[in-house]
Each structure stands twice: as structure tokens, then as C-alpha cells.
PDB file of N, CA and C in Angstrom:
ATOM      1  N   MET A   1       0.813  -1.220   0.033  1.00  0.00           N
ATOM      2  CA  MET A   1      -0.017  -0.036  -0.015  1.00  0.00           C
ATOM      3  C   MET A   1       0.904   1.213  -0.053  1.00  0.00           C
ATOM      4  N   ALA A   2       2.135   1.170   0.049  1.00  0.00           N
ATOM      5  CA  ALA A   2       3.004   2.232   0.000  1.00  0.00           C
ATOM      6  C   ALA A   2       2.774   3.236  -1.133  1.00  0.00           C
ATOM      7  N   PRO A   3       2.628   2.831  -2.243  1.00  0.00           N
ATOM      8  CA  PRO A   3       2.343   3.629  -3.350  1.00  0.00           C
ATOM      9  C   PRO A   3       1.039   4.544  -3.202  1.00  0.00           C
ATOM     10  N   PHE A   4       0.121   3.956  -2.297  1.00  0.00           N
ATOM     11  CA  PHE A   4      -1.174   4.631  -2.229  1.00  0.00           C
ATOM     12  C   PHE A   4      -1.357   5.247  -0.810  1.00  0.00           C
ATOM     13  N   ALA A   5      -0.345   5.745  -0.236  1.00  0.00           N
ATOM     14  CA  ALA A   5      -0.319   6.263   1.040  1.00  0.00           C
ATOM     15  C   ALA A   5      -1.281   7.417   1.271  1.00  0.00           C
ATOM     16  N   ARG A   6      -1.399   8.290   0.220  1.00  0.00           N
ATOM     17  CA  ARG A   6      -2.286   9.432   0.100  1.00  0.00           C
ATOM     18  C   ARG A   6      -3.689   9.195   0.095  1.00  0.00           C
ATOM     19  N   ALA A   7      -4.095   8.022  -0.430  1.00  0.00           N
ATOM     20  CA  ALA A   7      -5.469   7.756  -0.537  1.00  0.00           C
ATOM     21  C   ALA A   7      -5.770   6.299  -0.270  1.00  0.00           C
ATOM     22  N   PRO A   8      -5.599   5.902   1.068  1.00  0.00           N
ATOM     23  CA  PRO A   8      -5.932   4.687   1.445  1.00  0.00           C
ATOM     24  C   PRO A   8      -7.447   4.301   1.376  1.00  0.00           C
ATOM     25  N   ALA A   9      -8.355   5.185   1.549  1.00  0.00           N
ATOM     26  CA  ALA A   9      -9.759   4.892   1.506  1.00  0.00           C
ATOM     27  C   ALA A   9     -10.178   4.630  -0.011  1.00  0.00           C
ATOM     28  N   SER A  10      -9.536   5.209  -1.058  1.00  0.00           N
ATOM     29  CA  SER A  10      -9.786   4.933  -2.422  1.00  0.00           C
ATOM     30  C   SER A  10      -9.232   3.574  -2.638  1.00  0.00           C
ATOM     31  N   LEU A  11      -8.168   3.219  -2.206  1.00  0.00           N
ATOM     32  CA  LEU A  11      -7.633   1.890  -2.409  1.00  0.00           C
ATOM     33  C   LEU A  11      -8.597   0.916  -1.806  1.00  0.00           C
ATOM     34  N   HIS A  12      -9.054   1.088  -0.612  1.00  0.00           N
ATOM     35  CA  HIS A  12      -9.912   0.215   0.012  1.00  0.00           C
ATOM     36  C   HIS A  12     -11.176   0.030  -0.741  1.00  0.00           C
ATOM     37  N   ARG A  13     -11.773   1.081  -1.189  1.00  0.00           N
ATOM     38  CA  ARG A  13     -13.031   1.000  -2.008  1.00  0.00           C
ATOM     39  C   ARG A  13     -12.786   0.242  -3.358  1.00  0.00           C
ATOM     40  N   CYS A  14     -11.623   0.492  -3.960  1.00  0.00           N
ATOM     41  CA  CYS A  14     -11.374  -0.229  -5.188  1.00  0.00           C
ATOM     42  C   CYS A  14     -11.119  -1.688  -5.018  1.00  0.00           C
ATOM     43  N   SER A  15     -10.530  -2.047  -3.838  1.00  0.00           N
ATOM     44  CA  SER A  15     -10.351  -3.461  -3.466  1.00  0.00           C
ATOM     45  C   SER A  15     -11.592  -4.077  -3.103  1.00  0.00           C
ATOM     46  N   GLY A  16     -12.526  -3.418  -2.532  1.00  0.00           N
ATOM     47  CA  GLY A  16     -13.869  -3.944  -2.152  1.00  0.00           C
ATOM     48  C   GLY A  16     -14.713  -4.213  -3.414  1.00  0.00           C
ATOM     49  N   ALA A  17     -14.588  -3.288  -4.267  1.00  0.00           N
ATOM     50  CA  ALA A  17     -15.373  -3.400  -5.606  1.00  0.00           C
ATOM     51  C   ALA A  17     -14.938  -4.570  -6.382  1.00  0.00           C
ATOM     52  N   THR A  18     -13.551  -4.701  -6.518  1.00  0.00           N
ATOM     53  CA  THR A  18     -12.888  -5.764  -7.183  1.00  0.00           C
ATOM     54  C   THR A  18     -13.361  -7.086  -6.598  1.00  0.00           C
ATOM     55  N   GLN A  19     -13.258  -7.274  -5.405  1.00  0.00           N
ATOM     56  CA  GLN A  19     -13.705  -8.450  -4.649  1.00  0.00           C
ATOM     57  C   GLN A  19     -15.197  -8.785  -4.914  1.00  0.00           C
ATOM     58  N   SER A  20     -16.014  -7.761  -4.902  1.00  0.00           N
ATOM     59  CA  SER A  20     -17.430  -8.032  -5.233  1.00  0.00           C
ATOM     60  C   SER A  20     -17.634  -8.459  -6.754  1.00  0.00           C
ATOM     61  N   ALA A  21     -16.926  -7.780  -7.601  1.00  0.00           N
ATOM     62  CA  ALA A  21     -16.947  -8.213  -9.071  1.00  0.00           C
ATOM     63  C   ALA A  21     -16.514  -9.593  -9.158  1.00  0.00           C
ATOM     64  N   PHE A  22     -15.486 -10.056  -8.635  1.00  0.00           N
ATOM     65  CA  PHE A  22     -15.049 -11.389  -8.765  1.00  0.00           C
ATOM     66  C   PHE A  22     -16.037 -12.356  -7.978  1.00  0.00           C
ATOM     67  N   GLY A  23     -16.572 -11.992  -7.080  1.00  0.00           N
ATOM     68  CA  GLY A  23     -17.640 -12.810  -6.388  1.00  0.00           C
ATOM     69  C   GLY A  23     -18.778 -12.979  -7.316  1.00  0.00           C
ATOM     70  N   VAL A  24     -19.277 -11.954  -8.041  1.00  0.00           N
ATOM     71  CA  VAL A  24     -20.303 -12.091  -9.044  1.00  0.00           C
ATOM     72  C   VAL A  24     -19.941 -13.017 -10.105  1.00  0.00           C
ATOM     73  N   LEU A  25     -18.737 -12.792 -10.543  1.00  0.00           N
ATOM     74  CA  LEU A  25     -18.340 -13.696 -11.678  1.00  0.00           C
ATOM     75  C   LEU A  25     -18.123 -15.176 -11.188  1.00  0.00           C
ATOM     76  N   ALA A  26     -17.799 -15.426 -10.092  1.00  0.00           N
ATOM     77  CA  ALA A  26     -17.691 -16.834  -9.584  1.00  0.00           C
ATOM     78  C   ALA A  26     -19.062 -17.358  -9.374  1.00  0.00           C
ATOM     79  N   SER A  27     -19.878 -16.602  -8.882  1.00  0.00           N
ATOM     80  CA  SER A  27     -21.262 -17.047  -8.664  1.00  0.00           C
ATOM     81  C   SER A  27     -21.957 -17.413 -10.049  1.00  0.00           C
ATOM     82  N   ALA A  28     -21.659 -16.513 -10.960  1.00  0.00           N
ATOM     83  CA  ALA A  28     -22.225 -16.811 -12.384  1.00  0.00           C
ATOM     84  C   ALA A  28     -21.613 -18.031 -12.961  1.00  0.00           C
ATOM     85  N   GLY A  29     -20.342 -18.278 -12.642  1.00  0.00           N
ATOM     86  CA  GLY A  29     -19.640 -19.375 -13.097  1.00  0.00           C
ATOM     87  C   GLY A  29     -20.237 -20.731 -12.529  1.00  0.00           C
ATOM     88  N   GLY A  30     -20.512 -20.662 -11.349  1.00  0.00           N
ATOM     89  CA  GLY A  30     -21.125 -21.783 -10.573  1.00  0.00           C
ATOM     90  C   GLY A  30     -22.443 -22.113 -11.090  1.00  0.00           C
ATOM     91  N   ARG A  31     -23.241 -21.054 -11.553  1.00  0.00           N
ATOM     92  CA  ARG A  31     -24.653 -21.273 -11.988  1.00  0.00           C
ATOM     93  C   ARG A  31     -24.539 -21.878 -13.495  1.00  0.00           C
ATOM     94  N   LEU A  32     -23.485 -21.843 -14.155  1.00  0.00           N
ATOM     95  CA  LEU A  32     -23.301 -22.374 -15.504  1.00  0.00           C
ATOM     96  C   LEU A  32     -23.140 -23.894 -15.501  1.00  0.00           C
ATOM     97  N   GLY A  33     -22.629 -24.491 -14.292  1.00  0.00           N
ATOM     98  CA  GLY A  33     -22.739 -25.933 -14.071  1.00  0.00           C
ATOM     99  C   GLY A  33     -24.031 -26.504 -14.219  1.00  0.00           C
ATOM    100  N   ARG A  34     -24.067 -27.622 -14.856  1.00  0.00           N
ATOM    101  CA  ARG A  34     -25.304 -28.240 -15.123  1.00  0.00           C
ATOM    102  C   ARG A  34     -25.869 -29.098 -13.875  1.00  0.00           C
ATOM    103  N   GLY A  35     -24.879 -29.616 -13.067  1.00  0.00           N
ATOM    104  CA  GLY A  35     -25.149 -30.411 -12.016  1.00  0.00           C
ATOM    105  C   GLY A  35     -25.710 -29.706 -10.820  1.00  0.00           C
ATOM    106  N   SER A  36     -26.189 -30.474  -9.933  1.00  0.00           N
ATOM    107  CA  SER A  36     -26.689 -29.856  -8.570  1.00  0.00           C
ATOM    108  C   SER A  36     -25.782 -30.426  -7.473  1.00  0.00           C
ATOM    109  N   GLY A  37     -25.922 -29.811  -6.381  1.00  0.00           N
ATOM    110  CA  GLY A  37     -25.152 -30.396  -5.103  1.00  0.00           C
ATOM    111  C   GLY A  37     -23.869 -29.610  -5.087  1.00  0.00           C
ATOM    112  N   PRO A  38     -22.945 -30.322  -4.474  1.00  0.00           N
ATOM    113  CA  PRO A  38     -21.743 -29.595  -4.110  1.00  0.00           C
ATOM    114  C   PRO A  38     -20.714 -29.560  -5.278  1.00  0.00           C
ATOM    115  N   ALA A  39     -20.830 -30.349  -6.417  1.00  0.00           N
ATOM    116  CA  ALA A  39     -19.878 -30.230  -7.513  1.00  0.00           C
ATOM    117  C   ALA A  39     -19.739 -28.945  -8.109  1.00  0.00           C
ATOM    118  N   PRO A  40     -20.684 -28.133  -8.484  1.00  0.00           N
ATOM    119  CA  PRO A  40     -20.340 -26.814  -9.045  1.00  0.00           C
ATOM    120  C   PRO A  40     -19.675 -25.902  -8.139  1.00  0.00           C
ATOM    121  N   MET A  41     -19.934 -25.936  -6.860  1.00  0.00           N
ATOM    122  CA  MET A  41     -19.272 -25.119  -5.905  1.00  0.00           C
ATOM    123  C   MET A  41     -17.852 -25.448  -5.706  1.00  0.00           C
ATOM    124  N   ALA A  42     -17.658 -26.711  -5.806  1.00  0.00           N
ATOM    125  CA  ALA A  42     -16.232 -27.253  -5.554  1.00  0.00           C
ATOM    126  C   ALA A  42     -15.461 -26.871  -6.792  1.00  0.00           C
ATOM    127  N   THR A  43     -16.058 -26.973  -8.018  1.00  0.00           N
ATOM    128  CA  THR A  43     -15.425 -26.546  -9.246  1.00  0.00           C
ATOM    129  C   THR A  43     -14.975 -25.141  -9.189  1.00  0.00           C
ATOM    130  N   VAL A  44     -15.897 -24.289  -8.821  1.00  0.00           N
ATOM    131  CA  VAL A  44     -15.477 -22.817  -8.743  1.00  0.00           C
ATOM    132  C   VAL A  44     -14.429 -22.524  -7.722  1.00  0.00           C
ATOM    133  N   MET A  45     -14.476 -23.207  -6.483  1.00  0.00           N
ATOM    134  CA  MET A  45     -13.518 -22.986  -5.500  1.00  0.00           C
ATOM    135  C   MET A  45     -12.236 -23.429  -6.028  1.00  0.00           C
ATOM    136  N   PHE A  46     -12.126 -24.568  -6.755  1.00  0.00           N
ATOM    137  CA  PHE A  46     -10.858 -25.108  -7.330  1.00  0.00           C
ATOM    138  C   PHE A  46     -10.197 -24.067  -8.307  1.00  0.00           C
ATOM    139  N   ALA A  47     -11.162 -23.643  -9.175  1.00  0.00           N
ATOM    140  CA  ALA A  47     -10.801 -22.662 -10.206  1.00  0.00           C
ATOM    141  C   ALA A  47     -10.179 -21.374  -9.618  1.00  0.00           C
ATOM    142  N   CYS A  48     -10.893 -20.892  -8.650  1.00  0.00           N
ATOM    143  CA  CYS A  48     -10.427 -19.640  -7.913  1.00  0.00           C
ATOM    144  C   CYS A  48      -9.028 -19.859  -7.237  1.00  0.00           C
ATOM    145  N   ALA A  49      -8.881 -21.055  -6.611  1.00  0.00           N
ATOM    146  CA  ALA A  49      -7.516 -21.408  -6.110  1.00  0.00           C
ATOM    147  C   ALA A  49      -6.468 -21.434  -7.076  1.00  0.00           C
ATOM    148  N   VAL A  50      -6.751 -22.184  -8.212  1.00  0.00           N
ATOM    149  CA  VAL A  50      -5.762 -22.214  -9.287  1.00  0.00           C
ATOM    150  C   VAL A  50      -5.401 -20.867  -9.792  1.00  0.00           C
ATOM    151  N   ILE A  51      -6.328 -19.950  -9.967  1.00  0.00           N
ATOM    152  CA  ILE A  51      -6.178 -18.630 -10.483  1.00  0.00           C
ATOM    153  C   ILE A  51      -5.426 -17.847  -9.547  1.00  0.00           C
ATOM    154  N   SER A  52      -5.641 -17.883  -8.202  1.00  0.00           N
ATOM    155  CA  SER A  52      -4.935 -17.238  -7.264  1.00  0.00           C
ATOM    156  C   SER A  52      -3.396 -17.693  -7.056  1.00  0.00           C
ATOM    157  N   PHE A  53      -3.234 -19.022  -7.189  1.00  0.00           N
ATOM    158  CA  PHE A  53      -1.988 -19.473  -7.106  1.00  0.00           C
ATOM    159  C   PHE A  53      -1.147 -19.029  -8.396  1.00  0.00           C
ATOM    160  N   GLY A  54      -1.851 -19.072  -9.503  1.00  0.00           N
ATOM    161  CA  GLY A  54      -1.127 -18.559 -10.762  1.00  0.00           C
ATOM    162  C   GLY A  54      -0.618 -17.088 -10.690  1.00  0.00           C
ATOM    163  N   ARG A  55      -1.496 -16.262  -9.896  1.00  0.00           N
ATOM    164  CA  ARG A  55      -1.192 -14.806  -9.830  1.00  0.00           C
ATOM    165  C   ARG A  55      -0.081 -14.675  -8.799  1.00  0.00           C
ATOM    166  N   LEU A  56      -0.076 -15.588  -7.857  1.00  0.00           N
ATOM    167  CA  LEU A  56       1.038 -15.485  -6.778  1.00  0.00           C
ATOM    168  C   LEU A  56       2.408 -15.717  -7.262  1.00  0.00           C
ATOM    169  N   LEU A  57       2.530 -16.661  -8.142  1.00  0.00           N
ATOM    170  CA  LEU A  57       3.841 -17.116  -8.658  1.00  0.00           C
ATOM    171  C   LEU A  57       4.686 -15.958  -9.268  1.00  0.00           C
ATOM    172  N   PRO A  58       4.230 -15.136 -10.218  1.00  0.00           N
ATOM    173  CA  PRO A  58       5.146 -14.031 -10.568  1.00  0.00           C
ATOM    174  C   PRO A  58       5.478 -13.110  -9.471  1.00  0.00           C
ATOM    175  N   LEU A  59       4.627 -12.902  -8.555  1.00  0.00           N
ATOM    176  CA  LEU A  59       4.950 -12.014  -7.343  1.00  0.00           C
ATOM    177  C   LEU A  59       6.196 -12.530  -6.666  1.00  0.00           C
ATOM    178  N   ARG A  60       6.066 -13.821  -6.320  1.00  0.00           N
ATOM    179  CA  ARG A  60       7.237 -14.453  -5.570  1.00  0.00           C
ATOM    180  C   ARG A  60       8.507 -14.367  -6.303  1.00  0.00           C
ATOM    181  N   GLN A  61       8.421 -14.576  -7.610  1.00  0.00           N
ATOM    182  CA  GLN A  61       9.671 -14.590  -8.396  1.00  0.00           C
ATOM    183  C   GLN A  61      10.399 -13.235  -8.526  1.00  0.00           C
ATOM    184  N   LYS A  62       9.615 -12.209  -8.474  1.00  0.00           N
ATOM    185  CA  LYS A  62      10.180 -10.815  -8.481  1.00  0.00           C
ATOM    186  C   LYS A  62      10.975 -10.479  -7.186  1.00  0.00           C
ATOM    187  N   ARG A  63      10.557 -11.041  -6.063  1.00  0.00           N
ATOM    188  CA  ARG A  63      11.163 -10.765  -4.778  1.00  0.00           C
ATOM    189  C   ARG A  63      12.578 -11.472  -4.726  1.00  0.00           C
ATOM    190  N   SER A  64      12.824 -12.545  -5.234  1.00  0.00           N
ATOM    191  CA  SER A  64      13.939 -13.267  -5.233  1.00  0.00           C
ATOM    192  C   SER A  64      15.129 -12.587  -5.957  1.00  0.00           C
TER     193      SER A  64
END
């Protein structure tokens, strides 16, 4: 947050809006599944975990 020291409230609002948008997209993705029960939710959770891990790797490589 160091680059955004002057406007932490704006950063917080933007972060919240982004989280909400991704939540809506994940929810819509779960609704696209044709099955019922826990399988669509597990698929969405797995996809979100894979995407998060994929976004984390470049950040870890920059620090080294």
C-alpha cells in the first residue's frame, strides 16, 4: 500500500469493488454448471484457487 499512502480509502473502495465483481463472476460461473449439489461449488472453488496461485507465482519470483 506504500504507493497509495495518500489515498488509502480509495484503495480500500477499489479493493472491495474488485472483490465483489469477482464474487459475482464466480457465482455466475457456478450457475453455469449443469449439475446440482456440491460439485459446481467445488469446481468454482478449485478454479479460484488455481487462478490465485497462478497470480501469486510471478510476485514471488520478483522478490527473489
